[in-house]
Structure formats: C-alpha cells, structure tokens
Amino acid sequence: MARRPDHELTASVRPDGYLELFCRRTGKRHRCGPRGTTMWLALQRGDWQPELAADEIAARSGVDPDSIRCDIEAWASHFREVAE
C-alpha cells in the first residue's frame, strides 16, 4: 500500500550520505544510514510503493525483492509509529 510521508516531514541527504528526516510538527529529527537512505530514495522514485522500491533495490543488489520489501515495510512502519 502506498503511503506518502506526512506533508510536515522534510527530508534531506547530508553530504556524508546520511538521510535526515525532520518533522516540523513534533520537532523530531532522525538520521538514517546508507541503507535507510537507499530505501527512502527508492520509495520516492517508486511513488511510495514498497513493491516498486524493493524491485529497484533488489535489481541493483542481487537480493530477493520479497526480503527487501519486508525490510522497507518495517522501516516505514517504524516512522509512522514514531510520528503518531
């Protein structure tokens, strides 16, 4: 299921390659390592569809897309829970 991020969430990739998410509503920041950054960018390119993001990452890394999709869904779920 596609779920776009909260409109109050801003994302930026820092020069060190880490993604920084900032929620204006809560004032919370979170830095993601390279794996989280890769998932965020793939989700963004795939119109927030975990399946499309997983296919993209799997094609580049040679791993099972189902495994990646589970990781993406768990990662995204964590951020939804924190934001609520």
Protein backbone atom coordinates (compact mmCIF):
# COMPACT_ATOMS: atom_id res chain seq x y z
CA MET A 1 0.00 0.00 0.00
CA ALA A 2 1.39 3.39 -0.97
CA ARG A 3 1.50 5.94 1.75
CA ARG A 4 3.15 9.25 1.14
CA PRO A 5 5.05 10.80 4.02
CA ASP A 6 3.42 13.41 6.21
CA HIS A 7 3.46 16.81 4.50
CA GLU A 8 5.20 18.21 7.59
CA LEU A 9 8.10 15.81 7.12
CA THR A 10 11.13 17.14 5.31
CA ALA A 11 13.98 15.00 4.10
CA SER A 12 17.47 15.93 3.05
CA VAL A 13 20.51 13.87 2.18
CA ARG A 14 23.50 15.23 4.00
CA PRO A 15 26.96 15.50 2.42
CA ASP A 16 28.04 12.46 4.47
CA GLY A 17 25.40 10.34 2.67
CA TYR A 18 23.02 10.15 5.60
CA LEU A 19 19.36 10.98 5.20
CA GLU A 20 17.95 13.37 7.77
CA LEU A 21 14.21 13.39 8.36
CA PHE A 22 12.70 16.30 10.25
CA CYS A 23 9.08 16.58 11.41
CA ARG A 24 8.08 20.22 11.83
CA ARG A 25 5.04 19.20 13.87
CA THR A 26 7.00 17.36 16.56
CA GLY A 27 10.43 18.95 16.13
CA LYS A 28 11.97 15.46 15.98
CA ARG A 29 14.93 14.62 13.75
CA HIS A 30 16.16 11.23 12.66
CA ARG A 31 19.30 10.35 10.73
CA CYS A 32 19.30 7.25 8.57
CA GLY A 33 22.40 5.43 7.47
CA PRO A 34 23.09 4.42 3.89
CA ARG A 35 20.54 1.57 3.98
CA GLY A 36 17.71 3.84 5.18
CA THR A 37 18.72 6.49 2.68
CA THR A 38 18.61 3.92 -0.12
CA MET A 39 15.13 2.79 0.95
CA TRP A 40 13.84 6.37 1.17
CA LEU A 41 15.15 7.28 -2.27
CA ALA A 42 13.78 4.07 -3.83
CA LEU A 43 10.39 4.71 -2.24
CA GLN A 44 10.41 8.25 -3.55
CA ARG A 45 11.28 7.11 -7.09
CA GLY A 46 8.65 4.34 -6.87
CA ASP A 47 5.78 6.68 -5.91
CA TRP A 48 5.95 5.37 -2.32
CA GLN A 49 5.11 1.81 -3.44
CA PRO A 50 7.15 -0.69 -1.32
CA GLU A 51 6.97 -3.29 -4.11
CA LEU A 52 8.49 -0.96 -6.70
CA ALA A 53 11.16 0.22 -4.26
CA ALA A 54 12.03 -3.38 -3.37
CA ASP A 55 12.29 -4.34 -7.03
CA GLU A 56 14.65 -1.43 -7.69
CA ILE A 57 16.92 -2.23 -4.74
CA ALA A 58 16.87 -5.97 -5.45
CA ALA A 59 17.84 -5.44 -9.09
CA ARG A 60 20.85 -3.35 -8.07
CA SER A 61 21.99 -5.54 -5.20
CA GLY A 62 21.10 -9.02 -6.45
CA VAL A 63 18.91 -10.00 -3.50
CA ASP A 64 15.35 -11.29 -3.15
CA PRO A 65 12.80 -8.47 -3.61
CA ASP A 66 10.44 -10.05 -1.05
CA SER A 67 13.12 -9.80 1.62
CA ILE A 68 13.82 -6.17 0.77
CA ARG A 69 10.09 -5.36 0.73
CA CYS A 70 9.74 -6.71 4.28
CA ASP A 71 12.65 -4.50 5.37
CA ILE A 72 11.11 -1.47 3.67
CA GLU A 73 7.70 -2.06 5.24
CA ALA A 74 9.22 -2.50 8.72
CA TRP A 75 11.35 0.62 8.28
CA ALA A 76 8.39 2.71 7.11
CA SER A 77 6.17 1.34 9.88
CA HIS A 78 8.70 2.46 12.48
CA PHE A 79 8.48 6.05 11.24
CA ARG A 80 4.69 6.01 11.10
CA GLU A 81 4.55 4.83 14.73
CA VAL A 82 7.03 7.46 15.89
CA ALA A 83 5.07 10.22 14.12
CA GLU A 84 1.73 9.35 15.73
